[in-house]
Amino acid sequence: MRRLVTILGLLSLAFGAAPASAQLAPPNEMGVTMGHLHMNSRDIEANKKILVAMGGVAQKNGNFEIVKFPGAIVFLNQGPGTPPATGGSVGTVVNHYGFLVPDVQAAMAKWKAAGVPVEPGGNGRKDQAFVTTPDGMRIEILEDKAQTVPIKHHHIHFYVPADTIPKIQAWYGAHFGAKPGMRGQNVAADIPGANLSFSKADTAQVPTKGHVLDHIGFDVKNLDAFCQKLAKDGVKIERPYAKNPNGTGICFVSDPWGTLIELNERPQPL
C-alpha cells in the first residue's frame, strides 16, 4: 500500500495535479449562486488561450465557447449573429471581475511565460495583478495564501455614483440574498461564489450590454417563481422566463445602474 501511495505521488509530480473542479458554490437561502460571466469576445481564440493559461478549462457548450473555473464559468461569445463588442469593461458599470491565486508573483511569472498580458498591482503591491485582454476585458488577480486550488473566481467590481453605493448594496441584498459587508475599503455584498464590490465612479458609467462583458449570470433555484417575484417587486425584466430547448430555464433582468443579469436554472451542471 505504501509503495502504491509513493507511485501515485510520483505520478502527480510528473504530470501535474488534476484541474480544479469548476463546480459552482451551493446556493444561498434565496436559491442564488454565482453562475457565469458572459463576454462578447472579438477574438474568441485569443481570450480562450489567455484564460486557459491562467488555469481555466476550455469546453464547447452548444454554440458557446466556455472556460470553467472553480466558482464561475466564463462564456467567450454571444449567440450566432451577435455584433462584436463596442468596447472594454472599463467605463461600464462592471469595471472588472477578479480571481484569487495562492501566490500572485508566482502566477505572474508563469503567465508571462505563457504570453498572458499581465501587469503588476497598483502602488507597488505584490499581492495584486491585472490582466487585460486584447478586447479590453479587465481582470484583477488577488492573493490568498491559504487557497488550496491554483485559481478560483472571487469578485465582480461595480463602479457607480458615490451616493448610490448603499442603494446598490441593498438592491442585491433584497433581490438576490447578497449579505452586506466590506471587502477592504470597498462596500460589498456576498453571494455564494462571488463577492460583489462597489466603488465610486468619478464619471458616468455606461450599461454593460454590448460591451466585452455583456452580462453577469446567477444560477437560481425555482427560477420561474423567482422571476415572477422580481417582476412583482419592480425589477426590470429584460427577457421573461422561458425554457431553452435543452431544458435550461432562463430569464434576463437588469439592475437600476445598467448591469444586465442572466438568470439560469440548469437541469444538468455545465
C-alpha atoms as a PDB file:
ATOM      1  CA  MET A   1       0.000   0.000   0.000  1.00  0.00           C
ATOM      2  CA  ARG A   2       2.804   2.370   0.956  1.00  0.00           C
ATOM      3  CA  ARG A   3       4.530   1.627  -2.354  1.00  0.00           C
ATOM      4  CA  LEU A   4       1.282   2.422  -4.241  1.00  0.00           C
ATOM      5  CA  VAL A   5       0.945   5.779  -2.461  1.00  0.00           C
ATOM      6  CA  THR A   6       4.559   6.602  -3.349  1.00  0.00           C
ATOM      7  CA  ILE A   7       3.987   5.738  -7.004  1.00  0.00           C
ATOM      8  CA  LEU A   8       0.836   7.861  -7.126  1.00  0.00           C
ATOM      9  CA  GLY A   9       2.712  10.753  -5.564  1.00  0.00           C
ATOM     10  CA  LEU A  10       5.485  10.499  -8.155  1.00  0.00           C
ATOM     11  CA  LEU A  11       2.937  10.396 -10.967  1.00  0.00           C
ATOM     12  CA  SER A  12       1.277  13.501  -9.558  1.00  0.00           C
ATOM     13  CA  LEU A  13       4.584  15.351  -9.558  1.00  0.00           C
ATOM     14  CA  ALA A  14       5.419  14.156 -13.024  1.00  0.00           C
ATOM     15  CA  PHE A  15       2.155  15.035 -14.722  1.00  0.00           C
ATOM     16  CA  GLY A  16       0.809  17.806 -12.503  1.00  0.00           C
ATOM     17  CA  ALA A  17      -2.284  17.965 -10.363  1.00  0.00           C
ATOM     18  CA  ALA A  18      -5.670  17.478 -11.957  1.00  0.00           C
ATOM     19  CA  PRO A  19      -7.530  20.649 -12.885  1.00  0.00           C
ATOM     20  CA  ALA A  20      -9.505  22.168 -10.022  1.00  0.00           C
ATOM     21  CA  SER A  21     -13.222  21.448 -10.044  1.00  0.00           C
ATOM     22  CA  ALA A  22     -15.366  24.038 -11.789  1.00  0.00           C
ATOM     23  CA  GLN A  23     -18.346  23.197  -9.601  1.00  0.00           C
ATOM     24  CA  LEU A  24     -20.471  26.168  -8.564  1.00  0.00           C
ATOM     25  CA  ALA A  25     -20.948  27.030  -4.901  1.00  0.00           C
ATOM     26  CA  PRO A  26     -24.093  25.777  -3.120  1.00  0.00           C
ATOM     27  CA  PRO A  27     -26.895  28.388  -3.326  1.00  0.00           C
ATOM     28  CA  ASN A  28     -27.906  30.734  -0.524  1.00  0.00           C
ATOM     29  CA  GLU A  29     -31.286  30.707   1.245  1.00  0.00           C
ATOM     30  CA  MET A  30     -32.885  32.501  -1.718  1.00  0.00           C
ATOM     31  CA  GLY A  31     -31.602  29.802  -4.088  1.00  0.00           C
ATOM     32  CA  VAL A  32     -28.942  32.018  -5.699  1.00  0.00           C
ATOM     33  CA  THR A  33     -25.313  31.250  -6.501  1.00  0.00           C
ATOM     34  CA  MET A  34     -22.695  32.716  -8.821  1.00  0.00           C
ATOM     35  CA  GLY A  35     -23.075  31.241 -12.290  1.00  0.00           C
ATOM     36  CA  HIS A  36     -21.194  32.825 -15.161  1.00  0.00           C
ATOM     37  CA  LEU A  37     -19.564  35.862 -16.746  1.00  0.00           C
ATOM     38  CA  HIS A  38     -20.613  36.356 -20.348  1.00  0.00           C
ATOM     39  CA  MET A  39     -18.060  38.022 -22.593  1.00  0.00           C
ATOM     40  CA  ASN A  40     -18.667  39.178 -26.144  1.00  0.00           C
ATOM     41  CA  SER A  41     -15.187  38.488 -27.472  1.00  0.00           C
ATOM     42  CA  ARG A  42     -13.856  39.932 -30.702  1.00  0.00           C
ATOM     43  CA  ASP A  43     -11.194  37.219 -30.741  1.00  0.00           C
ATOM     44  CA  ILE A  44     -12.536  34.102 -29.045  1.00  0.00           C
ATOM     45  CA  GLU A  45      -9.372  32.043 -29.517  1.00  0.00           C
ATOM     46  CA  ALA A  46      -7.110  34.760 -28.088  1.00  0.00           C
ATOM     47  CA  ASN A  47      -9.266  35.119 -24.987  1.00  0.00           C
ATOM     48  CA  LYS A  48      -9.541  31.350 -24.572  1.00  0.00           C
ATOM     49  CA  LYS A  49      -5.761  30.997 -24.760  1.00  0.00           C
ATOM     50  CA  ILE A  50      -5.312  33.625 -22.032  1.00  0.00           C
ATOM     51  CA  LEU A  51      -7.896  32.142 -19.663  1.00  0.00           C
ATOM     52  CA  VAL A  52      -6.634  28.582 -20.148  1.00  0.00           C
ATOM     53  CA  ALA A  53      -3.060  29.725 -19.467  1.00  0.00           C
ATOM     54  CA  MET A  54      -4.382  31.259 -16.238  1.00  0.00           C
ATOM     55  CA  GLY A  55      -5.748  27.889 -15.143  1.00  0.00           C
ATOM     56  CA  GLY A  56      -9.211  27.602 -16.678  1.00  0.00           C
ATOM     57  CA  VAL A  57     -10.535  24.554 -18.527  1.00  0.00           C
ATOM     58  CA  ALA A  58     -11.890  25.161 -22.031  1.00  0.00           C
ATOM     59  CA  GLN A  59     -15.031  23.406 -23.231  1.00  0.00           C
ATOM     60  CA  LYS A  60     -17.556  23.673 -26.054  1.00  0.00           C
ATOM     61  CA  ASN A  61     -21.169  24.117 -24.908  1.00  0.00           C
ATOM     62  CA  GLY A  62     -23.538  24.162 -27.872  1.00  0.00           C
ATOM     63  CA  ASN A  63     -22.882  27.402 -29.767  1.00  0.00           C
ATOM     64  CA  PHE A  64     -20.718  28.729 -26.966  1.00  0.00           C
ATOM     65  CA  GLU A  65     -17.019  28.536 -26.162  1.00  0.00           C
ATOM     66  CA  ILE A  66     -16.607  28.482 -22.386  1.00  0.00           C
ATOM     67  CA  VAL A  67     -13.751  28.354 -19.888  1.00  0.00           C
ATOM     68  CA  LYS A  68     -14.510  26.865 -16.488  1.00  0.00           C
ATOM     69  CA  PHE A  69     -13.013  27.997 -13.172  1.00  0.00           C
ATOM     70  CA  PRO A  70     -13.911  26.977  -9.630  1.00  0.00           C
ATOM     71  CA  GLY A  71     -16.828  29.210  -8.679  1.00  0.00           C
ATOM     72  CA  ALA A  72     -17.729  30.591 -12.116  1.00  0.00           C
ATOM     73  CA  ILE A  73     -17.806  29.853 -15.831  1.00  0.00           C
ATOM     74  CA  VAL A  74     -16.667  32.382 -18.442  1.00  0.00           C
ATOM     75  CA  PHE A  75     -18.610  32.383 -21.713  1.00  0.00           C
ATOM     76  CA  LEU A  76     -16.462  33.793 -24.501  1.00  0.00           C
ATOM     77  CA  ASN A  77     -19.054  34.572 -27.173  1.00  0.00           C
ATOM     78  CA  GLN A  78     -22.659  35.532 -27.650  1.00  0.00           C
ATOM     79  CA  GLY A  79     -25.121  33.709 -29.868  1.00  0.00           C
ATOM     80  CA  PRO A  80     -24.675  33.485 -33.653  1.00  0.00           C
ATOM     81  CA  GLY A  81     -25.118  36.800 -35.449  1.00  0.00           C
ATOM     82  CA  THR A  82     -24.470  38.994 -32.398  1.00  0.00           C
ATOM     83  CA  PRO A  83     -22.484  42.131 -33.299  1.00  0.00           C
ATOM     84  CA  PRO A  84     -18.994  42.266 -31.753  1.00  0.00           C
ATOM     85  CA  ALA A  85     -18.428  44.214 -28.565  1.00  0.00           C
ATOM     86  CA  THR A  86     -18.287  48.001 -28.803  1.00  0.00           C
ATOM     87  CA  GLY A  87     -15.735  48.490 -26.042  1.00  0.00           C
ATOM     88  CA  GLY A  88     -13.909  47.136 -22.999  1.00  0.00           C
ATOM     89  CA  SER A  89     -15.155  46.669 -19.461  1.00  0.00           C
ATOM     90  CA  VAL A  90     -13.539  49.818 -18.026  1.00  0.00           C
ATOM     91  CA  GLY A  91     -16.082  52.610 -18.269  1.00  0.00           C
ATOM     92  CA  THR A  92     -19.035  50.272 -17.824  1.00  0.00           C
ATOM     93  CA  VAL A  93     -20.907  49.636 -14.587  1.00  0.00           C
ATOM     94  CA  VAL A  94     -18.978  46.365 -14.123  1.00  0.00           C
ATOM     95  CA  ASN A  95     -15.387  47.563 -14.373  1.00  0.00           C
ATOM     96  CA  HIS A  96     -13.794  44.133 -13.931  1.00  0.00           C
ATOM     97  CA  TYR A  97     -14.081  40.716 -12.387  1.00  0.00           C
ATOM     98  CA  GLY A  98     -11.480  39.091 -10.157  1.00  0.00           C
ATOM     99  CA  PHE A  99      -9.778  35.793  -9.343  1.00  0.00           C
ATOM    100  CA  LEU A 100      -7.809  34.534  -6.352  1.00  0.00           C
ATOM    101  CA  VAL A 101      -4.495  32.662  -6.573  1.00  0.00           C
ATOM    102  CA  PRO A 102      -2.248  31.370  -3.754  1.00  0.00           C
ATOM    103  CA  ASP A 103       0.826  33.321  -4.927  1.00  0.00           C
ATOM    104  CA  VAL A 104       0.442  36.325  -7.232  1.00  0.00           C
ATOM    105  CA  GLN A 105       4.138  36.681  -8.059  1.00  0.00           C
ATOM    106  CA  ALA A 106       4.480  33.009  -8.989  1.00  0.00           C
ATOM    107  CA  ALA A 107       1.318  33.217 -11.091  1.00  0.00           C
ATOM    108  CA  MET A 108       2.585  36.333 -12.870  1.00  0.00           C
ATOM    109  CA  ALA A 109       5.873  34.670 -13.785  1.00  0.00           C
ATOM    110  CA  LYS A 110       4.103  31.579 -15.108  1.00  0.00           C
ATOM    111  CA  TRP A 111       1.519  33.569 -17.055  1.00  0.00           C
ATOM    112  CA  LYS A 112       4.054  35.943 -18.611  1.00  0.00           C
ATOM    113  CA  ALA A 113       5.988  32.945 -19.891  1.00  0.00           C
ATOM    114  CA  ALA A 114       2.740  31.710 -21.482  1.00  0.00           C
ATOM    115  CA  GLY A 115       2.077  35.067 -23.160  1.00  0.00           C
ATOM    116  CA  VAL A 116      -0.647  36.333 -20.821  1.00  0.00           C
ATOM    117  CA  PRO A 117      -0.795  40.180 -20.794  1.00  0.00           C
ATOM    118  CA  VAL A 118      -0.353  40.522 -17.037  1.00  0.00           C
ATOM    119  CA  GLU A 119       0.531  43.777 -15.252  1.00  0.00           C
ATOM    120  CA  PRO A 120       1.742  44.417 -11.671  1.00  0.00           C
ATOM    121  CA  GLY A 121      -0.627  45.656  -8.999  1.00  0.00           C
ATOM    122  CA  GLY A 122      -1.125  49.268  -8.038  1.00  0.00           C
ATOM    123  CA  ASN A 123       1.112  51.190  -5.645  1.00  0.00           C
ATOM    124  CA  GLY A 124       3.781  48.520  -5.748  1.00  0.00           C
ATOM    125  CA  ARG A 125       1.509  45.819  -4.321  1.00  0.00           C
ATOM    126  CA  LYS A 126       2.911  42.304  -4.610  1.00  0.00           C
ATOM    127  CA  ASP A 127      -0.395  40.606  -3.764  1.00  0.00           C
ATOM    128  CA  GLN A 128      -2.270  42.101  -6.721  1.00  0.00           C
ATOM    129  CA  ALA A 129      -2.006  41.963 -10.511  1.00  0.00           C
ATOM    130  CA  PHE A 130      -4.175  42.759 -13.520  1.00  0.00           C
ATOM    131  CA  VAL A 131      -4.789  41.030 -16.824  1.00  0.00           C
ATOM    132  CA  THR A 132      -6.343  42.988 -19.696  1.00  0.00           C
ATOM    133  CA  THR A 133      -7.366  41.000 -22.758  1.00  0.00           C
ATOM    134  CA  PRO A 134      -6.891  42.411 -26.281  1.00  0.00           C
ATOM    135  CA  ASP A 135     -10.575  43.402 -26.427  1.00  0.00           C
ATOM    136  CA  GLY A 136     -10.429  45.233 -23.114  1.00  0.00           C
ATOM    137  CA  MET A 137     -11.699  42.775 -20.501  1.00  0.00           C
ATOM    138  CA  ARG A 138     -10.015  43.769 -17.243  1.00  0.00           C
ATOM    139  CA  ILE A 139      -9.388  41.023 -14.677  1.00  0.00           C
ATOM    140  CA  GLU A 140      -7.999  41.628 -11.190  1.00  0.00           C
ATOM    141  CA  ILE A 141      -5.843  38.981  -9.523  1.00  0.00           C
ATOM    142  CA  LEU A 142      -5.579  38.894  -5.731  1.00  0.00           C
ATOM    143  CA  GLU A 143      -3.716  36.612  -3.358  1.00  0.00           C
ATOM    144  CA  ASP A 144      -4.985  34.141  -0.774  1.00  0.00           C
ATOM    145  CA  LYS A 145      -2.061  32.117   0.553  1.00  0.00           C
ATOM    146  CA  ALA A 146      -4.424  29.654   2.260  1.00  0.00           C
ATOM    147  CA  GLN A 147      -6.147  28.768  -1.017  1.00  0.00           C
ATOM    148  CA  THR A 148      -5.840  25.117  -1.997  1.00  0.00           C
ATOM    149  CA  VAL A 149      -6.694  25.423  -5.717  1.00  0.00           C
ATOM    150  CA  PRO A 150      -4.479  27.194  -8.298  1.00  0.00           C
ATOM    151  CA  ILE A 151      -7.145  29.772  -9.203  1.00  0.00           C
ATOM    152  CA  LYS A 152     -10.803  30.460  -8.436  1.00  0.00           C
ATOM    153  CA  HIS A 153     -13.378  33.150  -9.085  1.00  0.00           C
ATOM    154  CA  HIS A 154     -13.578  35.814  -6.394  1.00  0.00           C
ATOM    155  CA  HIS A 155     -15.403  39.055  -7.163  1.00  0.00           C
ATOM    156  CA  ILE A 156     -17.345  41.321  -9.513  1.00  0.00           C
ATOM    157  CA  HIS A 157     -16.481  45.006  -9.169  1.00  0.00           C
ATOM    158  CA  PHE A 158     -19.162  47.613  -9.872  1.00  0.00           C
ATOM    159  CA  TYR A 159     -18.475  51.344 -10.300  1.00  0.00           C
ATOM    160  CA  VAL A 160     -21.434  53.607  -9.501  1.00  0.00           C
ATOM    161  CA  PRO A 161     -22.036  57.173  -8.236  1.00  0.00           C
ATOM    162  CA  ALA A 162     -20.955  57.543  -4.607  1.00  0.00           C
ATOM    163  CA  ASP A 163     -24.419  58.377  -3.310  1.00  0.00           C
ATOM    164  CA  THR A 164     -25.881  55.174  -4.766  1.00  0.00           C
ATOM    165  CA  ILE A 165     -23.376  52.733  -3.231  1.00  0.00           C
ATOM    166  CA  PRO A 166     -25.633  51.969  -0.220  1.00  0.00           C
ATOM    167  CA  LYS A 167     -28.562  51.559  -2.628  1.00  0.00           C
ATOM    168  CA  ILE A 168     -26.850  49.043  -4.910  1.00  0.00           C
ATOM    169  CA  GLN A 169     -25.639  47.055  -1.910  1.00  0.00           C
ATOM    170  CA  ALA A 170     -29.204  46.958  -0.563  1.00  0.00           C
ATOM    171  CA  TRP A 171     -30.664  46.113  -4.010  1.00  0.00           C
ATOM    172  CA  TYR A 172     -28.560  42.983  -4.420  1.00  0.00           C
ATOM    173  CA  GLY A 173     -29.348  42.035  -0.830  1.00  0.00           C
ATOM    174  CA  ALA A 174     -33.094  42.420  -1.260  1.00  0.00           C
ATOM    175  CA  HIS A 175     -33.405  40.620  -4.590  1.00  0.00           C
ATOM    176  CA  PHE A 176     -30.591  38.030  -4.535  1.00  0.00           C
ATOM    177  CA  GLY A 177     -29.891  37.495  -0.846  1.00  0.00           C
ATOM    178  CA  ALA A 178     -26.412  39.063  -1.003  1.00  0.00           C
ATOM    179  CA  LYS A 179     -25.003  39.507   2.503  1.00  0.00           C
ATOM    180  CA  PRO A 180     -23.810  43.086   3.186  1.00  0.00           C
ATOM    181  CA  GLY A 181     -20.261  43.692   4.335  1.00  0.00           C
ATOM    182  CA  MET A 182     -16.923  45.197   3.389  1.00  0.00           C
ATOM    183  CA  ARG A 183     -14.010  43.978   1.240  1.00  0.00           C
ATOM    184  CA  GLY A 184     -11.109  46.057   2.441  1.00  0.00           C
ATOM    185  CA  GLN A 185     -12.239  49.645   1.912  1.00  0.00           C
ATOM    186  CA  ASN A 186     -14.943  48.643  -0.555  1.00  0.00           C
ATOM    187  CA  VAL A 187     -18.591  48.392   0.398  1.00  0.00           C
ATOM    188  CA  ALA A 188     -19.587  44.883  -0.645  1.00  0.00           C
ATOM    189  CA  ALA A 189     -22.146  42.097  -0.558  1.00  0.00           C
ATOM    190  CA  ASP A 190     -21.602  38.348  -0.874  1.00  0.00           C
ATOM    191  CA  ILE A 191     -23.440  35.614  -2.700  1.00  0.00           C
ATOM    192  CA  PRO A 192     -22.050  32.068  -2.834  1.00  0.00           C
ATOM    193  CA  GLY A 193     -19.106  32.085  -5.234  1.00  0.00           C
ATOM    194  CA  ALA A 194     -18.799  35.861  -5.597  1.00  0.00           C
ATOM    195  CA  ASN A 195     -18.103  38.985  -3.652  1.00  0.00           C
ATOM    196  CA  LEU A 196     -19.949  41.951  -5.180  1.00  0.00           C
ATOM    197  CA  SER A 197     -17.790  45.036  -4.602  1.00  0.00           C
ATOM    198  CA  PHE A 198     -18.998  48.616  -5.090  1.00  0.00           C
ATOM    199  CA  SER A 199     -16.726  51.613  -5.701  1.00  0.00           C
ATOM    200  CA  LYS A 200     -17.259  55.277  -6.509  1.00  0.00           C
ATOM    201  CA  ALA A 201     -17.236  56.186 -10.197  1.00  0.00           C
ATOM    202  CA  ASP A 202     -15.719  59.594 -10.916  1.00  0.00           C
ATOM    203  CA  THR A 203     -17.513  59.798 -14.281  1.00  0.00           C
ATOM    204  CA  ALA A 204     -20.759  58.419 -15.674  1.00  0.00           C
ATOM    205  CA  GLN A 205     -20.546  54.690 -16.456  1.00  0.00           C
ATOM    206  CA  VAL A 206     -22.406  53.033 -19.320  1.00  0.00           C
ATOM    207  CA  PRO A 207     -24.528  49.845 -19.198  1.00  0.00           C
ATOM    208  CA  THR A 208     -22.773  46.524 -19.719  1.00  0.00           C
ATOM    209  CA  LYS A 209     -24.885  45.315 -22.649  1.00  0.00           C
ATOM    210  CA  GLY A 210     -22.985  45.324 -25.945  1.00  0.00           C
ATOM    211  CA  HIS A 211     -19.570  45.620 -24.294  1.00  0.00           C
ATOM    212  CA  VAL A 212     -16.950  42.938 -23.829  1.00  0.00           C
ATOM    213  CA  LEU A 213     -18.548  41.869 -20.525  1.00  0.00           C
ATOM    214  CA  ASP A 214     -22.101  41.908 -21.822  1.00  0.00           C
ATOM    215  CA  HIS A 215     -23.683  40.494 -18.678  1.00  0.00           C
ATOM    216  CA  ILE A 216     -23.155  38.576 -15.476  1.00  0.00           C
ATOM    217  CA  GLY A 217     -25.067  35.422 -14.607  1.00  0.00           C
ATOM    218  CA  PHE A 218     -26.504  33.828 -11.477  1.00  0.00           C
ATOM    219  CA  ASP A 219     -27.843  30.291 -11.181  1.00  0.00           C
ATOM    220  CA  VAL A 220     -31.170  30.227  -9.339  1.00  0.00           C
ATOM    221  CA  LYS A 221     -33.430  27.511  -7.957  1.00  0.00           C
ATOM    222  CA  ASN A 222     -37.174  27.621  -8.779  1.00  0.00           C
ATOM    223  CA  LEU A 223     -36.419  30.252 -11.392  1.00  0.00           C
ATOM    224  CA  ASP A 224     -39.940  30.732 -12.779  1.00  0.00           C
ATOM    225  CA  ALA A 225     -41.321  31.714  -9.361  1.00  0.00           C
ATOM    226  CA  PHE A 226     -38.163  33.719  -8.626  1.00  0.00           C
ATOM    227  CA  CYS A 227     -38.592  35.819 -11.795  1.00  0.00           C
ATOM    228  CA  GLN A 228     -42.286  36.368 -11.063  1.00  0.00           C
ATOM    229  CA  LYS A 229     -41.323  37.744  -7.650  1.00  0.00           C
ATOM    230  CA  LEU A 230     -38.671  40.012  -9.181  1.00  0.00           C
ATOM    231  CA  ALA A 231     -41.285  41.441 -11.560  1.00  0.00           C
ATOM    232  CA  LYS A 232     -43.734  41.922  -8.697  1.00  0.00           C
ATOM    233  CA  ASP A 233     -41.030  43.762  -6.744  1.00  0.00           C
ATOM    234  CA  GLY A 234     -40.421  46.174  -9.638  1.00  0.00           C
ATOM    235  CA  VAL A 235     -37.194  44.712 -11.034  1.00  0.00           C
ATOM    236  CA  LYS A 236     -36.835  45.419 -14.752  1.00  0.00           C
ATOM    237  CA  ILE A 237     -37.377  42.217 -16.725  1.00  0.00           C
ATOM    238  CA  GLU A 238     -35.418  42.323 -19.976  1.00  0.00           C
ATOM    239  CA  ARG A 239     -36.474  38.860 -21.146  1.00  0.00           C
ATOM    240  CA  PRO A 240     -39.260  36.930 -19.406  1.00  0.00           C
ATOM    241  CA  TYR A 241     -38.751  33.450 -18.067  1.00  0.00           C
ATOM    242  CA  ALA A 242     -38.645  30.683 -20.666  1.00  0.00           C
ATOM    243  CA  LYS A 243     -37.014  27.312 -21.181  1.00  0.00           C
ATOM    244  CA  ASN A 244     -34.331  26.679 -23.759  1.00  0.00           C
ATOM    245  CA  PRO A 245     -34.576  23.512 -25.892  1.00  0.00           C
ATOM    246  CA  ASN A 246     -32.043  21.829 -23.585  1.00  0.00           C
ATOM    247  CA  GLY A 247     -34.357  22.384 -20.609  1.00  0.00           C
ATOM    248  CA  THR A 248     -32.430  25.268 -19.048  1.00  0.00           C
ATOM    249  CA  GLY A 249     -34.653  27.931 -17.532  1.00  0.00           C
ATOM    250  CA  ILE A 250     -33.564  31.445 -18.492  1.00  0.00           C
ATOM    251  CA  CYS A 251     -34.566  34.998 -17.653  1.00  0.00           C
ATOM    252  CA  PHE A 252     -32.788  38.338 -18.116  1.00  0.00           C
ATOM    253  CA  VAL A 253     -33.138  41.294 -15.760  1.00  0.00           C
ATOM    254  CA  SER A 254     -31.163  44.479 -15.216  1.00  0.00           C
ATOM    255  CA  ASP A 255     -30.248  46.412 -12.121  1.00  0.00           C
ATOM    256  CA  PRO A 256     -31.052  50.148 -11.922  1.00  0.00           C
ATOM    257  CA  TRP A 257     -27.404  51.049 -12.713  1.00  0.00           C
ATOM    258  CA  GLY A 258     -27.178  49.258 -16.064  1.00  0.00           C
ATOM    259  CA  THR A 259     -25.890  45.769 -15.280  1.00  0.00           C
ATOM    260  CA  LEU A 260     -27.508  43.105 -17.451  1.00  0.00           C
ATOM    261  CA  ILE A 261     -28.036  39.899 -15.453  1.00  0.00           C
ATOM    262  CA  GLU A 262     -28.852  36.467 -16.834  1.00  0.00           C
ATOM    263  CA  LEU A 263     -30.596  34.029 -14.500  1.00  0.00           C
ATOM    264  CA  ASN A 264     -30.451  30.288 -15.178  1.00  0.00           C
ATOM    265  CA  GLU A 265     -31.858  27.097 -13.763  1.00  0.00           C
ATOM    266  CA  ARG A 266     -29.970  24.194 -15.326  1.00  0.00           C
ATOM    267  CA  PRO A 267     -31.209  20.580 -15.437  1.00  0.00           C
ATOM    268  CA  GLN A 268     -27.556  19.475 -15.514  1.00  0.00           C
ATOM    269  CA  PRO A 269     -24.400  21.347 -14.405  1.00  0.00           C
ATOM    270  CA  LEU A 270     -22.238  22.658 -17.236  1.00  0.00           C
END
